[in-house]
Amino acid sequence: MDLNDSLAPGYLVAPPSMGDPNFDHCVVLMAMHDDNGSLGFVVNRKSPLSLHQLLKELEIVPQLPDRAVLMGGPVNTSTGYVLYEHTANGGLGGVAVTPTLSLSPSKDVLQAAAEGKLGGRFELVLGYAGWGPGQLQQEIRRGSWLYADFDQSLLLDVAMENRWEEVYQRLGVSPHDFITVPGGAQA
C-alpha cells in the first residue's frame, strides 16, 4: 500500500497493543481520506444505546427489530450517521463511501431505515474518528495501525463482535502473533 494513495474506502485495524482506549481492538471504516485529513467510523464497538432507544428519543417509530448501535469514534458521539447500502448511485444523499454504500447524518435517511424503506442493510453509528492532514499516514508508518482493503461483506455480513478477528484472518495473520517491545514498537 502506498500511503500517498487514498486510504478510503478501507479499514484501519488496531494492533493488539494499541494503547489508546479509544481504539483498543477496533476496526475503523475509512470513509474519506485526502490532503485535508481523514474521516473514519469504528465498526465493531457497541454503543450503550440500542436502535429502538435512540429512535424513541427522535420520535421515530421503528418497524424493524431492535439491535445494537455502533459507537463510531471518540469525536461528537451525540451525532448519528446512517451507513447504508443501496443500488449503484441510488443513495438518498450523504457521502458516497463506494457506489453502493453511503453515509448520511440525515434524519430522513434514518426514518427510511427505521421504516425498512432503504432497500438495503444499514448500521447506525454515533460519533466518528478524525485525523488532520498527514496524521494518519504518520500513525501507519509508526505501526499504530494496520491497513486492510475495503470489503463490504466485512461490514454487513460479519457480526460486529467478530469483525476485529475476521480482519486479521483475512490479512492472513493472527493478532496473537504480535510482540510488543518497549517504546511502542511491534514485531
N, C-alpha and C. Protein backbone atom coordinates (compact mmCIF):
# COMPACT_ATOMS: atom_id res chain seq x y z
N MET A 1 0.84 -1.18 0.00
CA MET A 1 0.00 0.00 0.00
C MET A 1 0.89 1.24 0.00
N ASP A 2 0.59 2.16 -0.89
CA ASP A 2 1.28 3.43 -0.96
C ASP A 2 0.51 4.43 -0.11
N LEU A 3 1.17 4.97 0.91
CA LEU A 3 0.49 5.89 1.83
C LEU A 3 0.13 7.22 1.18
N ASN A 4 0.59 7.45 -0.06
CA ASN A 4 0.18 8.66 -0.77
C ASN A 4 -1.16 8.47 -1.47
N ASP A 5 -1.59 7.20 -1.59
CA ASP A 5 -2.90 6.90 -2.18
C ASP A 5 -3.98 7.13 -1.13
N SER A 6 -5.21 7.19 -1.59
CA SER A 6 -6.32 7.34 -0.66
C SER A 6 -6.49 6.06 0.15
N LEU A 7 -6.71 6.21 1.43
CA LEU A 7 -6.95 5.08 2.32
C LEU A 7 -8.44 4.77 2.43
N ALA A 8 -9.26 5.52 1.68
CA ALA A 8 -10.71 5.32 1.73
C ALA A 8 -11.22 4.93 0.34
N PRO A 9 -12.09 3.96 0.26
CA PRO A 9 -12.55 3.15 1.39
C PRO A 9 -11.51 2.09 1.75
N GLY A 10 -11.49 1.74 2.98
CA GLY A 10 -10.60 0.72 3.51
C GLY A 10 -10.83 0.60 4.99
N TYR A 11 -10.04 -0.25 5.64
CA TYR A 11 -10.17 -0.44 7.09
C TYR A 11 -8.84 -0.20 7.77
N LEU A 12 -8.89 0.48 8.89
CA LEU A 12 -7.75 0.53 9.80
C LEU A 12 -8.03 -0.50 10.87
N VAL A 13 -7.01 -1.24 11.23
CA VAL A 13 -7.15 -2.29 12.23
C VAL A 13 -6.17 -2.02 13.35
N ALA A 14 -6.68 -1.93 14.56
CA ALA A 14 -5.82 -1.67 15.72
C ALA A 14 -5.00 -2.92 16.02
N PRO A 15 -3.69 -2.75 16.19
CA PRO A 15 -2.89 -3.89 16.63
C PRO A 15 -3.24 -4.22 18.09
N PRO A 16 -2.92 -5.43 18.53
CA PRO A 16 -3.29 -5.83 19.89
C PRO A 16 -2.80 -4.89 20.99
N SER A 17 -1.70 -4.22 20.76
CA SER A 17 -1.12 -3.36 21.79
C SER A 17 -1.35 -1.88 21.50
N MET A 18 -2.50 -1.54 20.96
CA MET A 18 -2.79 -0.16 20.54
C MET A 18 -2.45 0.85 21.64
N GLY A 19 -2.86 0.61 22.86
CA GLY A 19 -2.52 1.52 23.95
C GLY A 19 -3.45 2.73 24.06
N ASP A 20 -4.32 2.94 23.09
CA ASP A 20 -5.27 4.04 23.14
C ASP A 20 -6.65 3.45 23.39
N PRO A 21 -7.25 3.70 24.56
CA PRO A 21 -8.54 3.09 24.88
C PRO A 21 -9.65 3.46 23.89
N ASN A 22 -9.48 4.57 23.18
CA ASN A 22 -10.49 4.95 22.17
C ASN A 22 -10.52 3.98 21.00
N PHE A 23 -9.41 3.27 20.77
CA PHE A 23 -9.32 2.41 19.60
C PHE A 23 -8.85 0.99 19.90
N ASP A 24 -8.78 0.61 21.14
CA ASP A 24 -8.33 -0.73 21.51
C ASP A 24 -9.21 -1.79 20.84
N HIS A 25 -8.59 -2.72 20.11
CA HIS A 25 -9.28 -3.80 19.40
C HIS A 25 -10.34 -3.29 18.43
N CYS A 26 -10.10 -2.17 17.78
CA CYS A 26 -11.08 -1.58 16.88
C CYS A 26 -10.76 -1.82 15.41
N VAL A 27 -11.84 -1.83 14.63
CA VAL A 27 -11.78 -1.79 13.18
C VAL A 27 -12.45 -0.48 12.78
N VAL A 28 -11.76 0.32 11.98
CA VAL A 28 -12.26 1.62 11.57
C VAL A 28 -12.49 1.62 10.07
N LEU A 29 -13.72 1.88 9.66
CA LEU A 29 -14.03 2.05 8.25
C LEU A 29 -13.58 3.44 7.85
N MET A 30 -12.69 3.51 6.89
CA MET A 30 -12.24 4.81 6.38
C MET A 30 -13.22 5.27 5.31
N ALA A 31 -13.92 6.36 5.59
CA ALA A 31 -14.93 6.88 4.67
C ALA A 31 -14.37 7.96 3.76
N MET A 32 -13.42 8.75 4.28
CA MET A 32 -12.81 9.83 3.49
C MET A 32 -11.34 9.95 3.87
N HIS A 33 -10.52 10.22 2.86
CA HIS A 33 -9.09 10.45 3.10
C HIS A 33 -8.56 11.27 1.93
N ASP A 34 -8.04 12.45 2.24
CA ASP A 34 -7.43 13.28 1.21
C ASP A 34 -6.41 14.20 1.86
N ASP A 35 -5.94 15.19 1.14
CA ASP A 35 -4.91 16.10 1.66
C ASP A 35 -5.39 16.91 2.86
N ASN A 36 -6.71 17.00 3.07
CA ASN A 36 -7.25 17.77 4.19
C ASN A 36 -7.39 16.96 5.47
N GLY A 37 -7.20 15.65 5.38
CA GLY A 37 -7.33 14.80 6.56
C GLY A 37 -8.12 13.55 6.27
N SER A 38 -8.55 12.87 7.34
CA SER A 38 -9.21 11.58 7.21
C SER A 38 -10.41 11.50 8.14
N LEU A 39 -11.42 10.75 7.69
CA LEU A 39 -12.64 10.55 8.45
C LEU A 39 -12.95 9.06 8.45
N GLY A 40 -13.16 8.52 9.65
CA GLY A 40 -13.47 7.10 9.77
C GLY A 40 -14.49 6.84 10.87
N PHE A 41 -14.98 5.59 10.89
CA PHE A 41 -16.00 5.19 11.84
C PHE A 41 -15.66 3.81 12.39
N VAL A 42 -15.57 3.71 13.71
CA VAL A 42 -15.35 2.41 14.34
C VAL A 42 -16.58 1.55 14.05
N VAL A 43 -16.36 0.34 13.55
CA VAL A 43 -17.48 -0.51 13.14
C VAL A 43 -17.58 -1.80 13.95
N ASN A 44 -16.93 -1.82 15.10
CA ASN A 44 -17.03 -3.04 15.92
C ASN A 44 -17.14 -2.74 17.42
N ARG A 45 -17.64 -1.58 17.76
CA ARG A 45 -17.82 -1.23 19.17
C ARG A 45 -19.28 -0.80 19.39
N LYS A 46 -19.92 -1.45 20.35
CA LYS A 46 -21.33 -1.22 20.63
C LYS A 46 -21.52 0.03 21.48
N SER A 47 -22.52 0.83 21.12
CA SER A 47 -22.94 1.99 21.89
C SER A 47 -23.78 1.51 23.07
N PRO A 48 -23.86 2.29 24.15
CA PRO A 48 -24.76 1.90 25.24
C PRO A 48 -26.24 2.01 24.86
N LEU A 49 -26.55 2.71 23.77
CA LEU A 49 -27.93 2.85 23.32
C LEU A 49 -28.28 1.79 22.28
N SER A 50 -29.51 1.31 22.33
CA SER A 50 -29.99 0.41 21.28
C SER A 50 -30.68 1.26 20.21
N LEU A 51 -30.93 0.65 19.07
CA LEU A 51 -31.59 1.35 17.98
C LEU A 51 -32.96 1.87 18.41
N HIS A 52 -33.76 1.03 19.07
CA HIS A 52 -35.10 1.46 19.48
C HIS A 52 -35.05 2.60 20.50
N GLN A 53 -34.08 2.57 21.42
CA GLN A 53 -33.95 3.67 22.39
C GLN A 53 -33.68 4.99 21.66
N LEU A 54 -32.76 4.94 20.72
CA LEU A 54 -32.40 6.15 20.00
C LEU A 54 -33.55 6.64 19.14
N LEU A 55 -34.22 5.73 18.46
CA LEU A 55 -35.36 6.13 17.63
C LEU A 55 -36.48 6.74 18.46
N LYS A 56 -36.72 6.18 19.65
CA LYS A 56 -37.75 6.73 20.54
C LYS A 56 -37.42 8.17 20.92
N GLU A 57 -36.14 8.43 21.23
CA GLU A 57 -35.72 9.79 21.57
C GLU A 57 -35.96 10.76 20.41
N LEU A 58 -35.88 10.25 19.18
CA LEU A 58 -36.08 11.09 18.00
C LEU A 58 -37.52 11.07 17.49
N GLU A 59 -38.38 10.40 18.26
CA GLU A 59 -39.80 10.28 17.92
C GLU A 59 -40.02 9.62 16.56
N ILE A 60 -39.23 8.59 16.30
CA ILE A 60 -39.38 7.77 15.10
C ILE A 60 -39.86 6.40 15.55
N VAL A 61 -40.93 5.92 14.93
CA VAL A 61 -41.49 4.61 15.28
C VAL A 61 -40.81 3.54 14.44
N PRO A 62 -40.05 2.64 15.07
CA PRO A 62 -39.34 1.62 14.31
C PRO A 62 -40.28 0.52 13.81
N GLN A 63 -39.98 0.03 12.63
CA GLN A 63 -40.73 -1.08 12.07
C GLN A 63 -39.79 -2.24 11.76
N LEU A 64 -38.78 -2.39 12.59
CA LEU A 64 -37.82 -3.47 12.46
C LEU A 64 -37.34 -3.86 13.85
N PRO A 65 -36.75 -5.05 13.99
CA PRO A 65 -36.31 -5.49 15.32
C PRO A 65 -35.24 -4.57 15.92
N ASP A 66 -35.20 -4.54 17.25
CA ASP A 66 -34.19 -3.75 17.95
C ASP A 66 -32.83 -4.40 17.77
N ARG A 67 -31.80 -3.60 17.81
CA ARG A 67 -30.43 -4.09 17.69
C ARG A 67 -29.46 -3.05 18.20
N ALA A 68 -28.21 -3.40 18.18
CA ALA A 68 -27.16 -2.50 18.69
C ALA A 68 -26.93 -1.33 17.73
N VAL A 69 -26.46 -0.24 18.31
CA VAL A 69 -25.99 0.92 17.57
C VAL A 69 -24.48 0.94 17.77
N LEU A 70 -23.73 1.33 16.75
CA LEU A 70 -22.28 1.36 16.85
C LEU A 70 -21.78 2.66 17.47
N MET A 71 -20.71 2.57 18.25
CA MET A 71 -20.01 3.75 18.76
C MET A 71 -18.90 4.02 17.75
N GLY A 72 -19.12 5.00 16.88
CA GLY A 72 -18.25 5.23 15.73
C GLY A 72 -16.92 5.89 16.02
N GLY A 73 -16.76 6.44 17.17
CA GLY A 73 -15.48 7.07 17.48
C GLY A 73 -15.61 8.01 18.66
N PRO A 74 -14.50 8.55 19.03
CA PRO A 74 -14.50 9.41 20.21
C PRO A 74 -14.98 10.84 19.95
N VAL A 75 -15.16 11.21 18.68
CA VAL A 75 -15.50 12.59 18.35
C VAL A 75 -17.00 12.73 18.11
N ASN A 76 -17.61 13.70 18.74
CA ASN A 76 -19.00 14.08 18.50
C ASN A 76 -19.97 12.89 18.58
N THR A 77 -19.94 12.19 19.69
CA THR A 77 -20.75 10.98 19.85
C THR A 77 -22.24 11.25 20.00
N SER A 78 -22.64 12.51 20.03
CA SER A 78 -24.07 12.82 20.08
C SER A 78 -24.67 12.96 18.68
N THR A 79 -23.84 12.81 17.65
CA THR A 79 -24.32 12.88 16.28
C THR A 79 -24.34 11.48 15.68
N GLY A 80 -25.45 11.15 15.04
CA GLY A 80 -25.60 9.84 14.42
C GLY A 80 -25.44 9.90 12.92
N TYR A 81 -24.95 8.79 12.37
CA TYR A 81 -24.76 8.65 10.94
C TYR A 81 -25.35 7.30 10.52
N VAL A 82 -26.08 7.30 9.43
CA VAL A 82 -26.61 6.06 8.87
C VAL A 82 -25.65 5.62 7.78
N LEU A 83 -25.07 4.46 7.96
CA LEU A 83 -24.19 3.85 6.97
C LEU A 83 -25.05 2.80 6.28
N TYR A 84 -25.37 3.01 5.01
CA TYR A 84 -26.37 2.16 4.37
C TYR A 84 -25.97 1.75 2.95
N GLU A 85 -26.41 0.54 2.59
CA GLU A 85 -26.17 0.06 1.24
C GLU A 85 -27.37 0.39 0.35
N HIS A 86 -27.10 0.51 -0.94
CA HIS A 86 -28.13 0.86 -1.91
C HIS A 86 -27.68 0.41 -3.29
N THR A 87 -28.55 0.55 -4.27
CA THR A 87 -28.16 0.21 -5.64
C THR A 87 -27.14 1.23 -6.12
N ALA A 88 -26.41 0.87 -7.15
CA ALA A 88 -25.37 1.76 -7.67
C ALA A 88 -25.92 3.16 -7.92
N ASN A 89 -25.30 4.12 -7.29
CA ASN A 89 -25.64 5.54 -7.40
C ASN A 89 -27.10 5.83 -7.05
N GLY A 90 -27.71 4.97 -6.21
CA GLY A 90 -29.11 5.17 -5.83
C GLY A 90 -29.28 5.57 -4.38
N GLY A 91 -28.26 6.17 -3.79
CA GLY A 91 -28.33 6.58 -2.39
C GLY A 91 -29.26 7.76 -2.18
N LEU A 92 -29.66 7.95 -0.94
CA LEU A 92 -30.55 9.05 -0.58
C LEU A 92 -29.80 10.30 -0.15
N GLY A 93 -28.54 10.34 -0.40
CA GLY A 93 -27.75 11.50 -0.03
C GLY A 93 -26.68 11.16 0.98
N GLY A 94 -25.85 12.14 1.27
CA GLY A 94 -24.74 11.94 2.18
C GLY A 94 -23.45 11.75 1.41
N VAL A 95 -22.48 11.14 2.05
CA VAL A 95 -21.17 10.89 1.46
C VAL A 95 -21.15 9.49 0.87
N ALA A 96 -20.79 9.38 -0.40
CA ALA A 96 -20.68 8.07 -1.04
C ALA A 96 -19.34 7.46 -0.64
N VAL A 97 -19.37 6.38 0.13
CA VAL A 97 -18.15 5.66 0.50
C VAL A 97 -17.72 4.83 -0.69
N THR A 98 -18.67 4.15 -1.32
CA THR A 98 -18.50 3.42 -2.58
C THR A 98 -19.75 3.71 -3.41
N PRO A 99 -19.82 3.23 -4.66
CA PRO A 99 -21.04 3.46 -5.43
C PRO A 99 -22.30 2.82 -4.82
N THR A 100 -22.12 1.84 -3.91
CA THR A 100 -23.28 1.16 -3.31
C THR A 100 -23.34 1.27 -1.80
N LEU A 101 -22.55 2.16 -1.21
CA LEU A 101 -22.53 2.35 0.24
C LEU A 101 -22.36 3.83 0.53
N SER A 102 -23.30 4.39 1.30
CA SER A 102 -23.25 5.81 1.63
C SER A 102 -23.40 6.03 3.12
N LEU A 103 -23.07 7.22 3.54
CA LEU A 103 -23.08 7.62 4.93
C LEU A 103 -23.81 8.95 5.02
N SER A 104 -24.83 9.01 5.89
CA SER A 104 -25.62 10.24 5.98
C SER A 104 -26.01 10.55 7.42
N PRO A 105 -25.92 11.84 7.81
CA PRO A 105 -26.41 12.26 9.12
C PRO A 105 -27.88 12.66 9.08
N SER A 106 -28.55 12.47 7.96
CA SER A 106 -29.92 12.94 7.76
C SER A 106 -30.94 12.14 8.56
N LYS A 107 -31.81 12.86 9.25
CA LYS A 107 -32.90 12.21 9.98
C LYS A 107 -33.86 11.53 9.01
N ASP A 108 -34.02 12.07 7.81
CA ASP A 108 -34.88 11.45 6.80
C ASP A 108 -34.36 10.08 6.40
N VAL A 109 -33.05 9.95 6.26
CA VAL A 109 -32.45 8.65 5.92
C VAL A 109 -32.65 7.68 7.09
N LEU A 110 -32.48 8.16 8.32
CA LEU A 110 -32.71 7.31 9.48
C LEU A 110 -34.17 6.87 9.54
N GLN A 111 -35.09 7.77 9.26
CA GLN A 111 -36.52 7.43 9.25
C GLN A 111 -36.80 6.35 8.21
N ALA A 112 -36.23 6.50 7.01
CA ALA A 112 -36.41 5.49 5.96
C ALA A 112 -35.84 4.15 6.41
N ALA A 113 -34.69 4.18 7.09
CA ALA A 113 -34.10 2.93 7.60
C ALA A 113 -35.01 2.29 8.63
N ALA A 114 -35.52 3.09 9.56
CA ALA A 114 -36.39 2.58 10.63
C ALA A 114 -37.69 2.00 10.09
N GLU A 115 -38.13 2.49 8.95
CA GLU A 115 -39.35 2.00 8.33
C GLU A 115 -39.09 0.88 7.32
N GLY A 116 -37.82 0.47 7.19
CA GLY A 116 -37.48 -0.59 6.25
C GLY A 116 -37.57 -0.18 4.79
N LYS A 117 -37.39 1.11 4.50
CA LYS A 117 -37.55 1.63 3.14
C LYS A 117 -36.24 1.95 2.44
N LEU A 118 -35.11 1.58 3.01
CA LEU A 118 -33.84 1.89 2.36
C LEU A 118 -33.53 0.96 1.19
N GLY A 119 -34.06 -0.23 1.22
CA GLY A 119 -33.78 -1.18 0.15
C GLY A 119 -32.50 -1.98 0.37
N GLY A 120 -31.84 -1.77 1.48
CA GLY A 120 -30.61 -2.50 1.79
C GLY A 120 -30.35 -2.47 3.28
N ARG A 121 -29.25 -3.07 3.67
CA ARG A 121 -28.89 -3.13 5.08
C ARG A 121 -28.25 -1.82 5.51
N PHE A 122 -28.23 -1.61 6.83
CA PHE A 122 -27.64 -0.37 7.35
C PHE A 122 -27.10 -0.59 8.75
N GLU A 123 -26.24 0.31 9.16
CA GLU A 123 -25.74 0.42 10.53
C GLU A 123 -25.96 1.86 10.96
N LEU A 124 -26.33 2.05 12.21
CA LEU A 124 -26.41 3.39 12.78
C LEU A 124 -25.17 3.57 13.64
N VAL A 125 -24.46 4.65 13.41
CA VAL A 125 -23.17 4.90 14.05
C VAL A 125 -23.22 6.24 14.78
N LEU A 126 -22.78 6.26 16.04
CA LEU A 126 -22.70 7.50 16.81
C LEU A 126 -21.25 7.97 16.89
N GLY A 127 -20.99 9.17 16.44
CA GLY A 127 -19.65 9.73 16.50
C GLY A 127 -18.77 9.26 15.36
N TYR A 128 -17.54 9.78 15.36
CA TYR A 128 -16.59 9.44 14.30
C TYR A 128 -15.17 9.57 14.83
N ALA A 129 -14.23 9.18 13.99
CA ALA A 129 -12.80 9.36 14.27
C ALA A 129 -12.24 10.24 13.16
N GLY A 130 -11.39 11.15 13.52
CA GLY A 130 -10.83 12.05 12.52
C GLY A 130 -9.34 12.27 12.73
N TRP A 131 -8.65 12.55 11.64
CA TRP A 131 -7.22 12.81 11.65
C TRP A 131 -6.94 14.02 10.78
N GLY A 132 -6.00 14.85 11.20
CA GLY A 132 -5.60 16.02 10.42
C GLY A 132 -4.73 15.62 9.24
N PRO A 133 -4.38 16.59 8.39
CA PRO A 133 -3.56 16.30 7.22
C PRO A 133 -2.26 15.59 7.59
N GLY A 134 -2.01 14.46 6.96
CA GLY A 134 -0.77 13.71 7.17
C GLY A 134 -0.69 12.92 8.46
N GLN A 135 -1.58 13.16 9.41
CA GLN A 135 -1.51 12.50 10.72
C GLN A 135 -1.67 10.98 10.61
N LEU A 136 -2.63 10.54 9.85
CA LEU A 136 -2.90 9.11 9.75
C LEU A 136 -1.74 8.37 9.07
N GLN A 137 -1.16 8.95 8.03
CA GLN A 137 -0.02 8.32 7.38
C GLN A 137 1.13 8.13 8.36
N GLN A 138 1.37 9.13 9.21
CA GLN A 138 2.42 9.01 10.22
C GLN A 138 2.11 7.88 11.20
N GLU A 139 0.86 7.77 11.63
CA GLU A 139 0.48 6.71 12.57
C GLU A 139 0.66 5.33 11.94
N ILE A 140 0.34 5.20 10.67
CA ILE A 140 0.52 3.91 9.98
C ILE A 140 2.00 3.58 9.86
N ARG A 141 2.82 4.55 9.50
CA ARG A 141 4.27 4.33 9.39
C ARG A 141 4.87 3.89 10.73
N ARG A 142 4.35 4.44 11.84
CA ARG A 142 4.84 4.07 13.18
C ARG A 142 4.36 2.69 13.61
N GLY A 143 3.42 2.11 12.88
CA GLY A 143 2.88 0.81 13.26
C GLY A 143 1.68 0.90 14.19
N SER A 144 1.11 2.10 14.30
CA SER A 144 -0.05 2.27 15.17
C SER A 144 -1.31 1.65 14.59
N TRP A 145 -1.33 1.45 13.28
CA TRP A 145 -2.48 0.85 12.60
C TRP A 145 -2.00 -0.13 11.54
N LEU A 146 -2.81 -1.13 11.28
CA LEU A 146 -2.66 -1.97 10.10
C LEU A 146 -3.74 -1.51 9.13
N TYR A 147 -3.51 -1.72 7.85
CA TYR A 147 -4.49 -1.33 6.85
C TYR A 147 -4.99 -2.57 6.13
N ALA A 148 -6.30 -2.63 5.88
CA ALA A 148 -6.91 -3.72 5.11
C ALA A 148 -7.78 -3.11 4.03
N ASP A 149 -7.76 -3.71 2.87
CA ASP A 149 -8.60 -3.25 1.77
C ASP A 149 -10.07 -3.35 2.14
N PHE A 150 -10.86 -2.50 1.54
CA PHE A 150 -12.30 -2.48 1.79
C PHE A 150 -12.97 -3.73 1.24
N ASP A 151 -13.85 -4.28 2.04
CA ASP A 151 -14.71 -5.39 1.64
C ASP A 151 -16.04 -5.15 2.34
N GLN A 152 -17.07 -4.88 1.57
CA GLN A 152 -18.38 -4.55 2.13
C GLN A 152 -18.95 -5.69 2.96
N SER A 153 -18.58 -6.94 2.63
CA SER A 153 -19.11 -8.07 3.38
C SER A 153 -18.65 -8.05 4.84
N LEU A 154 -17.46 -7.54 5.11
CA LEU A 154 -16.99 -7.44 6.49
C LEU A 154 -17.93 -6.56 7.31
N LEU A 155 -18.38 -5.50 6.71
CA LEU A 155 -19.22 -4.53 7.39
C LEU A 155 -20.66 -5.02 7.57
N LEU A 156 -21.19 -5.74 6.60
CA LEU A 156 -22.60 -6.07 6.64
C LEU A 156 -22.91 -7.55 6.85
N ASP A 157 -21.92 -8.42 6.69
CA ASP A 157 -22.17 -9.86 6.83
C ASP A 157 -21.52 -10.48 8.06
N VAL A 158 -20.57 -9.79 8.65
CA VAL A 158 -19.85 -10.32 9.82
C VAL A 158 -20.40 -9.62 11.06
N ALA A 159 -20.71 -10.41 12.09
CA ALA A 159 -21.23 -9.83 13.33
C ALA A 159 -20.23 -8.82 13.90
N MET A 160 -20.78 -7.74 14.44
CA MET A 160 -19.96 -6.65 14.97
C MET A 160 -18.85 -7.14 15.88
N GLU A 161 -19.16 -8.04 16.80
CA GLU A 161 -18.18 -8.50 17.78
C GLU A 161 -17.10 -9.41 17.18
N ASN A 162 -17.26 -9.83 15.93
CA ASN A 162 -16.28 -10.71 15.28
C ASN A 162 -15.43 -10.00 14.23
N ARG A 163 -15.67 -8.74 13.99
CA ARG A 163 -15.00 -8.04 12.88
C ARG A 163 -13.50 -7.89 13.07
N TRP A 164 -13.04 -7.62 14.28
CA TRP A 164 -11.60 -7.43 14.51
C TRP A 164 -10.84 -8.70 14.17
N GLU A 165 -11.27 -9.84 14.73
CA GLU A 165 -10.60 -11.11 14.44
C GLU A 165 -10.73 -11.48 12.97
N GLU A 166 -11.87 -11.18 12.36
CA GLU A 166 -12.10 -11.50 10.95
C GLU A 166 -11.14 -10.74 10.05
N VAL A 167 -10.90 -9.46 10.33
CA VAL A 167 -9.95 -8.69 9.52
C VAL A 167 -8.56 -9.33 9.60
N TYR A 168 -8.14 -9.70 10.80
CA TYR A 168 -6.84 -10.35 10.95
C TYR A 168 -6.79 -11.65 10.15
N GLN A 169 -7.86 -12.42 10.20
CA GLN A 169 -7.91 -13.67 9.44
C GLN A 169 -7.79 -13.38 7.95
N ARG A 170 -8.47 -12.37 7.47
CA ARG A 170 -8.40 -12.01 6.05
C ARG A 170 -7.03 -11.48 5.66
N LEU A 171 -6.33 -10.87 6.62
CA LEU A 171 -4.96 -10.41 6.37
C LEU A 171 -3.95 -11.56 6.41
N GLY A 172 -4.39 -12.70 6.94
CA GLY A 172 -3.52 -13.86 6.99
C GLY A 172 -2.57 -13.87 8.17
N VAL A 173 -2.90 -13.12 9.21
CA VAL A 173 -2.08 -13.09 10.42
C VAL A 173 -2.98 -13.26 11.64
N SER A 174 -2.38 -13.60 12.75
CA SER A 174 -3.12 -13.70 14.00
C SER A 174 -2.76 -12.54 14.90
N PRO A 175 -3.72 -11.92 15.55
CA PRO A 175 -3.38 -10.83 16.47
C PRO A 175 -2.53 -11.33 17.64
N HIS A 176 -2.54 -12.62 17.87
CA HIS A 176 -1.77 -13.20 18.98
C HIS A 176 -0.29 -13.40 18.62
N ASP A 177 0.06 -13.17 17.36
CA ASP A 177 1.44 -13.32 16.91
C ASP A 177 2.27 -12.06 17.10
N PHE A 178 1.66 -10.97 17.53
CA PHE A 178 2.39 -9.72 17.69
C PHE A 178 3.19 -9.74 18.98
N ILE A 179 4.38 -9.16 18.92
CA ILE A 179 5.24 -8.99 20.08
C ILE A 179 5.42 -7.50 20.29
N THR A 180 5.16 -7.02 21.48
CA THR A 180 5.33 -5.61 21.79
C THR A 180 6.61 -5.45 22.55
N VAL A 181 7.42 -4.47 22.13
CA VAL A 181 8.69 -4.19 22.81
C VAL A 181 8.65 -2.77 23.35
N PRO A 182 9.50 -2.44 24.32
CA PRO A 182 9.48 -1.10 24.90
C PRO A 182 9.59 -0.02 23.83
N GLY A 183 8.89 1.07 24.04
CA GLY A 183 8.91 2.19 23.11
C GLY A 183 7.79 2.16 22.10
N GLY A 184 6.93 1.13 22.17
CA GLY A 184 5.77 1.09 21.29
C GLY A 184 5.99 0.33 19.99
N ALA A 185 7.19 -0.17 19.76
CA ALA A 185 7.45 -0.91 18.52
C ALA A 185 6.75 -2.26 18.59
N GLN A 186 6.43 -2.80 17.43
CA GLN A 186 5.79 -4.12 17.37
C GLN A 186 6.54 -4.96 16.36
N ALA A 187 6.58 -6.24 16.62
CA ALA A 187 7.25 -7.16 15.69
C ALA A 187 6.30 -8.29 15.36
